[in-house]
Amino acid sequence: MEENIKSLESKQYIVVNIDKEQFGIDIKYIDNIVRMQRITRVPKAQHYFKGVINLRGEIIPVMSIRLKFGLEPDDFNNATRIIIIKLDAQSAIGIIVDEVKEVVTLDESMISKVNTELDEKNNYLIGVGKHGDGLISLLNIQGVIND
């Protein structure tokens, strides 16, 4: 009986809404989640970079995932959040999401890989997770940010 139990790798994801879709971001990259605040524009930046914020003395660039994905521009409201992502110790970047929903734990059996031919946009997704009745598109946050 004991031999049948396989150790499945499980990860935690923060589930966010972006334009009525649910996306998951690996929790290990998330440094902070802050309310929407004034963003200072930066001239000649990419169209999806909204500018910078000052978070406790640290200047952090902020990008719009909606604009990066070619969706409608952000509609800021009380649920809008900036998620501070740290891919390494030195660099932080903020991404604007419509809403932060919950933290979910998914194991490998709940995740389907994405066909890379369908996702030619520099592999923004690492897979799709099944959670309850819904699906969560799991973001390759390094691909999204470093593109």
N, C-alpha and C. Protein backbone atom coordinates (compact mmCIF):
# COMPACT_ATOMS: atom_id res chain seq x y z
N MET A 1 0.83 -1.19 0.00
CA MET A 1 0.00 0.00 0.00
C MET A 1 0.87 1.26 0.00
N GLU A 2 1.90 1.27 0.84
CA GLU A 2 2.75 2.45 0.96
C GLU A 2 3.47 2.79 -0.35
N GLU A 3 3.81 1.76 -1.17
CA GLU A 3 4.58 2.02 -2.39
C GLU A 3 3.79 2.86 -3.39
N ASN A 4 2.46 2.83 -3.32
CA ASN A 4 1.62 3.53 -4.29
C ASN A 4 1.61 5.04 -4.08
N ILE A 5 2.01 5.49 -2.92
CA ILE A 5 1.97 6.93 -2.63
C ILE A 5 3.18 7.59 -3.28
N LYS A 6 2.90 8.44 -4.28
CA LYS A 6 3.97 9.16 -4.97
C LYS A 6 4.10 10.53 -4.34
N SER A 7 5.31 11.00 -4.25
CA SER A 7 5.52 12.37 -3.78
C SER A 7 5.33 13.32 -4.96
N LEU A 8 4.27 14.12 -4.91
CA LEU A 8 4.02 15.08 -5.98
C LEU A 8 4.53 16.45 -5.56
N GLU A 9 5.20 17.10 -6.49
CA GLU A 9 5.69 18.46 -6.25
C GLU A 9 4.49 19.39 -6.23
N SER A 10 4.34 20.17 -5.17
CA SER A 10 3.24 21.14 -5.17
C SER A 10 3.82 22.53 -4.94
N LYS A 11 3.14 23.51 -5.53
CA LYS A 11 3.57 24.90 -5.42
C LYS A 11 2.37 25.75 -5.07
N GLN A 12 2.67 26.90 -4.45
CA GLN A 12 1.61 27.85 -4.14
C GLN A 12 1.63 28.97 -5.16
N TYR A 13 0.44 29.38 -5.56
CA TYR A 13 0.28 30.46 -6.53
C TYR A 13 -0.69 31.48 -5.98
N ILE A 14 -0.39 32.75 -6.21
CA ILE A 14 -1.36 33.82 -5.94
C ILE A 14 -2.22 33.90 -7.19
N VAL A 15 -3.54 33.82 -7.01
CA VAL A 15 -4.46 33.91 -8.14
C VAL A 15 -4.92 35.35 -8.27
N VAL A 16 -4.76 35.90 -9.48
CA VAL A 16 -5.14 37.29 -9.76
C VAL A 16 -6.09 37.31 -10.95
N ASN A 17 -6.91 38.35 -10.99
CA ASN A 17 -7.77 38.58 -12.16
C ASN A 17 -7.11 39.61 -13.05
N ILE A 18 -7.09 39.32 -14.35
CA ILE A 18 -6.65 40.28 -15.36
C ILE A 18 -7.66 40.15 -16.49
N ASP A 19 -8.48 41.17 -16.67
CA ASP A 19 -9.48 41.19 -17.73
C ASP A 19 -10.36 39.93 -17.71
N LYS A 20 -11.00 39.66 -16.59
CA LYS A 20 -11.95 38.55 -16.42
C LYS A 20 -11.32 37.16 -16.49
N GLU A 21 -10.01 37.08 -16.65
CA GLU A 21 -9.32 35.79 -16.66
C GLU A 21 -8.56 35.63 -15.35
N GLN A 22 -8.39 34.36 -14.94
CA GLN A 22 -7.62 34.09 -13.72
C GLN A 22 -6.22 33.63 -14.10
N PHE A 23 -5.23 34.27 -13.47
CA PHE A 23 -3.84 33.91 -13.68
C PHE A 23 -3.21 33.58 -12.34
N GLY A 24 -2.27 32.65 -12.35
CA GLY A 24 -1.54 32.30 -11.15
C GLY A 24 -0.09 32.74 -11.26
N ILE A 25 0.43 33.29 -10.18
CA ILE A 25 1.84 33.71 -10.13
C ILE A 25 2.49 32.93 -8.99
N ASP A 26 3.59 32.25 -9.29
CA ASP A 26 4.32 31.48 -8.30
C ASP A 26 4.66 32.38 -7.12
N ILE A 27 4.26 31.96 -5.93
CA ILE A 27 4.39 32.80 -4.73
C ILE A 27 5.84 33.10 -4.39
N LYS A 28 6.77 32.26 -4.86
CA LYS A 28 8.18 32.49 -4.51
C LYS A 28 8.73 33.79 -5.10
N TYR A 29 8.08 34.31 -6.16
CA TYR A 29 8.56 35.56 -6.78
C TYR A 29 7.90 36.80 -6.19
N ILE A 30 6.91 36.62 -5.33
CA ILE A 30 6.14 37.77 -4.84
C ILE A 30 6.76 38.33 -3.57
N ASP A 31 7.11 39.60 -3.64
CA ASP A 31 7.74 40.27 -2.50
C ASP A 31 6.69 41.00 -1.66
N ASN A 32 5.67 41.56 -2.34
CA ASN A 32 4.70 42.40 -1.65
C ASN A 32 3.49 42.60 -2.55
N ILE A 33 2.37 42.94 -1.95
CA ILE A 33 1.17 43.33 -2.70
C ILE A 33 0.70 44.65 -2.09
N VAL A 34 0.60 45.67 -2.94
CA VAL A 34 0.23 46.99 -2.42
C VAL A 34 -0.98 47.54 -3.17
N ARG A 35 -1.68 48.43 -2.49
CA ARG A 35 -2.82 49.11 -3.13
C ARG A 35 -2.32 49.98 -4.27
N MET A 36 -3.21 50.28 -5.18
CA MET A 36 -2.88 51.19 -6.28
C MET A 36 -2.46 52.53 -5.68
N GLN A 37 -1.44 53.14 -6.26
CA GLN A 37 -0.99 54.44 -5.79
C GLN A 37 -0.53 55.25 -6.99
N ARG A 38 -0.16 56.51 -6.70
CA ARG A 38 0.25 57.39 -7.79
C ARG A 38 1.51 56.84 -8.45
N ILE A 39 1.47 56.75 -9.78
CA ILE A 39 2.61 56.27 -10.56
C ILE A 39 3.21 57.47 -11.29
N THR A 40 4.50 57.66 -11.13
CA THR A 40 5.19 58.75 -11.82
C THR A 40 5.63 58.26 -13.19
N ARG A 41 5.19 58.96 -14.22
CA ARG A 41 5.52 58.56 -15.60
C ARG A 41 7.01 58.68 -15.87
N VAL A 42 7.49 57.84 -16.76
CA VAL A 42 8.88 57.89 -17.21
C VAL A 42 8.85 58.11 -18.72
N PRO A 43 9.49 59.19 -19.21
CA PRO A 43 9.43 59.46 -20.65
C PRO A 43 10.10 58.36 -21.48
N LYS A 44 9.56 58.15 -22.67
CA LYS A 44 10.12 57.23 -23.67
C LYS A 44 10.24 55.79 -23.20
N ALA A 45 9.41 55.37 -22.24
CA ALA A 45 9.41 53.98 -21.80
C ALA A 45 8.48 53.19 -22.73
N GLN A 46 8.59 51.86 -22.70
CA GLN A 46 7.68 51.01 -23.46
C GLN A 46 6.24 51.38 -23.10
N HIS A 47 5.31 51.19 -24.04
CA HIS A 47 3.92 51.59 -23.79
C HIS A 47 3.30 50.88 -22.58
N TYR A 48 3.76 49.68 -22.27
CA TYR A 48 3.17 48.94 -21.14
C TYR A 48 3.80 49.30 -19.80
N PHE A 49 4.89 50.10 -19.80
CA PHE A 49 5.45 50.58 -18.54
C PHE A 49 4.72 51.85 -18.15
N LYS A 50 4.04 51.81 -17.00
CA LYS A 50 3.24 52.94 -16.56
C LYS A 50 4.10 54.01 -15.90
N GLY A 51 5.27 53.60 -15.37
CA GLY A 51 6.14 54.55 -14.67
C GLY A 51 6.78 53.89 -13.47
N VAL A 52 7.01 54.69 -12.41
CA VAL A 52 7.65 54.17 -11.20
C VAL A 52 6.85 54.60 -9.97
N ILE A 53 7.00 53.80 -8.90
CA ILE A 53 6.43 54.17 -7.60
C ILE A 53 7.57 54.19 -6.58
N ASN A 54 7.33 54.90 -5.49
CA ASN A 54 8.28 54.93 -4.38
C ASN A 54 7.66 54.08 -3.27
N LEU A 55 8.26 52.93 -3.04
CA LEU A 55 7.75 52.02 -2.00
C LEU A 55 8.77 51.96 -0.88
N ARG A 56 8.46 52.64 0.21
CA ARG A 56 9.36 52.71 1.37
C ARG A 56 10.79 53.06 0.97
N GLY A 57 10.92 54.08 0.12
CA GLY A 57 12.24 54.56 -0.28
C GLY A 57 12.86 53.85 -1.47
N GLU A 58 12.25 52.76 -1.92
CA GLU A 58 12.77 52.03 -3.08
C GLU A 58 11.95 52.44 -4.32
N ILE A 59 12.65 52.82 -5.38
CA ILE A 59 11.98 53.19 -6.63
C ILE A 59 11.76 51.92 -7.45
N ILE A 60 10.49 51.64 -7.75
CA ILE A 60 10.13 50.39 -8.42
C ILE A 60 9.39 50.69 -9.72
N PRO A 61 9.89 50.17 -10.86
CA PRO A 61 9.16 50.34 -12.11
C PRO A 61 7.86 49.52 -12.07
N VAL A 62 6.81 50.05 -12.72
CA VAL A 62 5.51 49.38 -12.70
C VAL A 62 5.05 49.18 -14.14
N MET A 63 4.61 47.94 -14.44
CA MET A 63 4.11 47.67 -15.79
C MET A 63 2.67 47.17 -15.75
N SER A 64 1.98 47.41 -16.83
CA SER A 64 0.60 46.95 -16.99
C SER A 64 0.60 45.63 -17.74
N ILE A 65 0.17 44.57 -17.06
CA ILE A 65 0.06 43.26 -17.73
C ILE A 65 -0.98 43.35 -18.85
N ARG A 66 -2.06 44.11 -18.59
CA ARG A 66 -3.11 44.25 -19.62
C ARG A 66 -2.53 44.79 -20.93
N LEU A 67 -1.75 45.87 -20.84
CA LEU A 67 -1.16 46.47 -22.04
C LEU A 67 -0.11 45.54 -22.65
N LYS A 68 0.64 44.85 -21.82
CA LYS A 68 1.66 43.92 -22.30
C LYS A 68 1.00 42.80 -23.12
N PHE A 69 -0.18 42.37 -22.67
CA PHE A 69 -0.89 41.28 -23.35
C PHE A 69 -1.80 41.78 -24.48
N GLY A 70 -1.79 43.10 -24.74
CA GLY A 70 -2.61 43.64 -25.82
C GLY A 70 -4.09 43.72 -25.48
N LEU A 71 -4.41 43.85 -24.20
CA LEU A 71 -5.81 43.94 -23.75
C LEU A 71 -6.20 45.41 -23.60
N GLU A 72 -7.45 45.62 -23.17
CA GLU A 72 -7.94 46.98 -22.89
C GLU A 72 -7.06 47.60 -21.80
N PRO A 73 -6.88 48.95 -21.82
CA PRO A 73 -6.10 49.60 -20.76
C PRO A 73 -6.71 49.34 -19.37
N ASP A 74 -5.87 49.49 -18.35
CA ASP A 74 -6.30 49.26 -16.97
C ASP A 74 -7.42 50.21 -16.58
N ASP A 75 -8.37 49.67 -15.80
CA ASP A 75 -9.45 50.46 -15.24
C ASP A 75 -9.28 50.37 -13.72
N PHE A 76 -8.65 51.40 -13.13
CA PHE A 76 -8.30 51.35 -11.72
C PHE A 76 -9.53 51.49 -10.84
N ASN A 77 -9.62 50.62 -9.82
CA ASN A 77 -10.70 50.70 -8.84
C ASN A 77 -10.16 50.23 -7.49
N ASN A 78 -11.05 50.04 -6.52
CA ASN A 78 -10.62 49.65 -5.17
C ASN A 78 -9.95 48.29 -5.11
N ALA A 79 -10.23 47.42 -6.08
CA ALA A 79 -9.64 46.08 -6.07
C ALA A 79 -8.28 46.03 -6.77
N THR A 80 -7.94 47.08 -7.55
CA THR A 80 -6.68 47.09 -8.30
C THR A 80 -5.49 47.03 -7.34
N ARG A 81 -4.53 46.18 -7.67
CA ARG A 81 -3.34 46.05 -6.83
C ARG A 81 -2.08 46.08 -7.69
N ILE A 82 -0.97 46.43 -7.05
CA ILE A 82 0.34 46.32 -7.68
C ILE A 82 1.05 45.19 -6.94
N ILE A 83 1.45 44.17 -7.68
CA ILE A 83 2.19 43.05 -7.08
C ILE A 83 3.66 43.31 -7.34
N ILE A 84 4.44 43.34 -6.26
CA ILE A 84 5.87 43.57 -6.37
C ILE A 84 6.55 42.20 -6.55
N ILE A 85 7.21 42.06 -7.70
CA ILE A 85 7.87 40.80 -8.06
C ILE A 85 9.37 40.99 -7.90
N LYS A 86 10.02 40.01 -7.28
CA LYS A 86 11.49 40.02 -7.21
C LYS A 86 11.98 38.72 -7.83
N LEU A 87 12.60 38.84 -9.02
CA LEU A 87 13.17 37.66 -9.67
C LEU A 87 14.53 37.34 -9.06
N ASP A 88 15.22 38.36 -8.57
CA ASP A 88 16.47 38.16 -7.84
C ASP A 88 16.53 39.20 -6.73
N ALA A 89 17.55 39.13 -5.92
CA ALA A 89 17.61 39.98 -4.72
C ALA A 89 17.65 41.48 -5.02
N GLN A 90 18.28 41.88 -6.13
CA GLN A 90 18.46 43.30 -6.40
C GLN A 90 17.25 43.96 -7.06
N SER A 91 16.65 43.29 -8.03
CA SER A 91 15.67 43.99 -8.87
C SER A 91 14.23 43.64 -8.50
N ALA A 92 13.43 44.68 -8.38
CA ALA A 92 12.01 44.50 -8.13
C ALA A 92 11.25 45.20 -9.25
N ILE A 93 10.08 44.67 -9.58
CA ILE A 93 9.22 45.31 -10.56
C ILE A 93 7.79 45.12 -10.10
N GLY A 94 6.96 46.12 -10.33
CA GLY A 94 5.55 46.03 -9.97
C GLY A 94 4.73 45.69 -11.20
N ILE A 95 3.74 44.84 -11.03
CA ILE A 95 2.80 44.56 -12.11
C ILE A 95 1.39 44.88 -11.61
N ILE A 96 0.62 45.54 -12.47
CA ILE A 96 -0.74 45.94 -12.09
C ILE A 96 -1.69 44.81 -12.43
N VAL A 97 -2.51 44.41 -11.45
CA VAL A 97 -3.55 43.41 -11.68
C VAL A 97 -4.89 43.98 -11.26
N ASP A 98 -5.97 43.47 -11.86
CA ASP A 98 -7.30 43.98 -11.56
C ASP A 98 -7.74 43.63 -10.14
N GLU A 99 -7.32 42.44 -9.68
CA GLU A 99 -7.75 42.00 -8.36
C GLU A 99 -6.90 40.81 -7.93
N VAL A 100 -6.61 40.73 -6.63
CA VAL A 100 -5.95 39.55 -6.06
C VAL A 100 -7.04 38.71 -5.43
N LYS A 101 -7.14 37.43 -5.83
CA LYS A 101 -8.23 36.57 -5.38
C LYS A 101 -7.86 35.74 -4.16
N GLU A 102 -6.87 34.87 -4.30
CA GLU A 102 -6.57 33.92 -3.23
C GLU A 102 -5.21 33.28 -3.48
N VAL A 103 -4.76 32.49 -2.51
CA VAL A 103 -3.57 31.68 -2.67
C VAL A 103 -4.05 30.24 -2.82
N VAL A 104 -3.55 29.55 -3.85
CA VAL A 104 -3.93 28.16 -4.04
C VAL A 104 -2.66 27.31 -4.09
N THR A 105 -2.79 26.06 -3.68
CA THR A 105 -1.70 25.10 -3.78
C THR A 105 -2.08 24.11 -4.87
N LEU A 106 -1.22 23.98 -5.86
CA LEU A 106 -1.46 23.04 -6.96
C LEU A 106 -0.31 22.05 -7.00
N ASP A 107 -0.64 20.77 -7.18
CA ASP A 107 0.44 19.81 -7.38
C ASP A 107 0.52 19.47 -8.87
N GLU A 108 1.57 18.77 -9.24
CA GLU A 108 1.84 18.50 -10.66
C GLU A 108 0.66 17.86 -11.38
N SER A 109 -0.10 17.03 -10.67
CA SER A 109 -1.21 16.33 -11.32
C SER A 109 -2.34 17.29 -11.71
N MET A 110 -2.36 18.49 -11.13
CA MET A 110 -3.42 19.46 -11.42
C MET A 110 -3.02 20.46 -12.50
N ILE A 111 -1.80 20.32 -13.04
CA ILE A 111 -1.27 21.29 -14.01
C ILE A 111 -1.05 20.62 -15.36
N SER A 112 -1.60 21.23 -16.40
CA SER A 112 -1.35 20.77 -17.77
C SER A 112 -0.39 21.75 -18.43
N LYS A 113 0.60 21.20 -19.13
CA LYS A 113 1.55 22.06 -19.85
C LYS A 113 0.85 22.71 -21.03
N VAL A 114 1.36 23.87 -21.44
CA VAL A 114 0.79 24.61 -22.57
C VAL A 114 1.56 24.26 -23.83
N ASN A 115 0.85 24.05 -24.92
CA ASN A 115 1.48 23.82 -26.21
C ASN A 115 2.17 25.11 -26.61
N THR A 116 3.50 25.07 -26.79
CA THR A 116 4.25 26.31 -27.05
C THR A 116 3.89 26.93 -28.39
N GLU A 117 3.35 26.14 -29.33
CA GLU A 117 2.93 26.73 -30.60
C GLU A 117 1.72 27.64 -30.41
N LEU A 118 0.88 27.34 -29.42
CA LEU A 118 -0.28 28.18 -29.14
C LEU A 118 0.14 29.46 -28.44
N ASP A 119 1.21 29.39 -27.70
CA ASP A 119 1.66 30.53 -26.90
C ASP A 119 2.98 31.06 -27.44
N GLU A 120 2.93 31.58 -28.67
CA GLU A 120 4.18 32.06 -29.27
C GLU A 120 4.64 33.38 -28.68
N LYS A 121 3.85 34.01 -27.83
CA LYS A 121 4.24 35.29 -27.23
C LYS A 121 5.32 35.08 -26.17
N ASN A 122 6.45 34.55 -26.61
CA ASN A 122 7.60 34.35 -25.73
C ASN A 122 7.27 33.54 -24.48
N ASN A 123 6.39 32.57 -24.63
CA ASN A 123 6.10 31.65 -23.53
C ASN A 123 5.72 32.35 -22.23
N TYR A 124 4.63 33.13 -22.27
CA TYR A 124 4.14 33.82 -21.08
C TYR A 124 3.48 32.87 -20.09
N LEU A 125 3.10 31.67 -20.55
CA LEU A 125 2.44 30.71 -19.66
C LEU A 125 3.31 29.48 -19.47
N ILE A 126 3.29 28.93 -18.24
CA ILE A 126 4.00 27.67 -18.00
C ILE A 126 3.02 26.51 -17.96
N GLY A 127 1.75 26.81 -17.85
CA GLY A 127 0.76 25.75 -17.81
C GLY A 127 -0.60 26.28 -17.40
N VAL A 128 -1.54 25.36 -17.30
CA VAL A 128 -2.89 25.70 -16.86
C VAL A 128 -3.22 24.79 -15.69
N GLY A 129 -3.61 25.41 -14.57
CA GLY A 129 -3.93 24.64 -13.38
C GLY A 129 -5.43 24.46 -13.23
N LYS A 130 -5.82 23.26 -12.79
CA LYS A 130 -7.23 23.00 -12.52
C LYS A 130 -7.46 23.23 -11.03
N HIS A 131 -8.43 24.10 -10.73
CA HIS A 131 -8.73 24.39 -9.33
C HIS A 131 -10.24 24.51 -9.19
N GLY A 132 -10.84 23.61 -8.43
CA GLY A 132 -12.30 23.59 -8.32
C GLY A 132 -12.91 23.38 -9.70
N ASP A 133 -13.87 24.22 -10.05
CA ASP A 133 -14.50 24.12 -11.37
C ASP A 133 -13.75 24.93 -12.43
N GLY A 134 -12.79 25.74 -12.01
CA GLY A 134 -12.16 26.68 -12.94
C GLY A 134 -10.76 26.30 -13.35
N LEU A 135 -10.25 27.07 -14.29
CA LEU A 135 -8.88 26.92 -14.76
C LEU A 135 -8.12 28.19 -14.44
N ILE A 136 -6.85 28.03 -14.11
CA ILE A 136 -5.98 29.16 -13.79
C ILE A 136 -4.79 29.08 -14.73
N SER A 137 -4.60 30.13 -15.55
CA SER A 137 -3.43 30.19 -16.43
C SER A 137 -2.23 30.58 -15.57
N LEU A 138 -1.21 29.73 -15.56
CA LEU A 138 -0.05 29.96 -14.71
C LEU A 138 1.00 30.75 -15.48
N LEU A 139 1.28 31.95 -15.01
CA LEU A 139 2.20 32.85 -15.71
C LEU A 139 3.65 32.42 -15.53
N ASN A 140 4.38 32.48 -16.62
CA ASN A 140 5.84 32.38 -16.57
C ASN A 140 6.30 33.81 -16.33
N ILE A 141 6.37 34.20 -15.06
CA ILE A 141 6.57 35.61 -14.72
C ILE A 141 7.93 36.11 -15.22
N GLN A 142 8.94 35.22 -15.28
CA GLN A 142 10.23 35.64 -15.83
C GLN A 142 10.09 35.98 -17.32
N GLY A 143 9.34 35.18 -18.06
CA GLY A 143 9.11 35.44 -19.49
C GLY A 143 8.36 36.73 -19.71
N VAL A 144 7.36 37.00 -18.86
CA VAL A 144 6.56 38.21 -18.98
C VAL A 144 7.42 39.45 -18.74
N ILE A 145 8.24 39.40 -17.69
CA ILE A 145 9.01 40.57 -17.27
C ILE A 145 10.25 40.78 -18.16
N ASN A 146 10.94 39.71 -18.50
CA ASN A 146 12.20 39.84 -19.23
C ASN A 146 12.05 40.01 -20.72
N ASP A 147 10.84 39.87 -21.23
CA ASP A 147 10.60 39.99 -22.67
C ASP A 147 10.96 41.38 -23.16
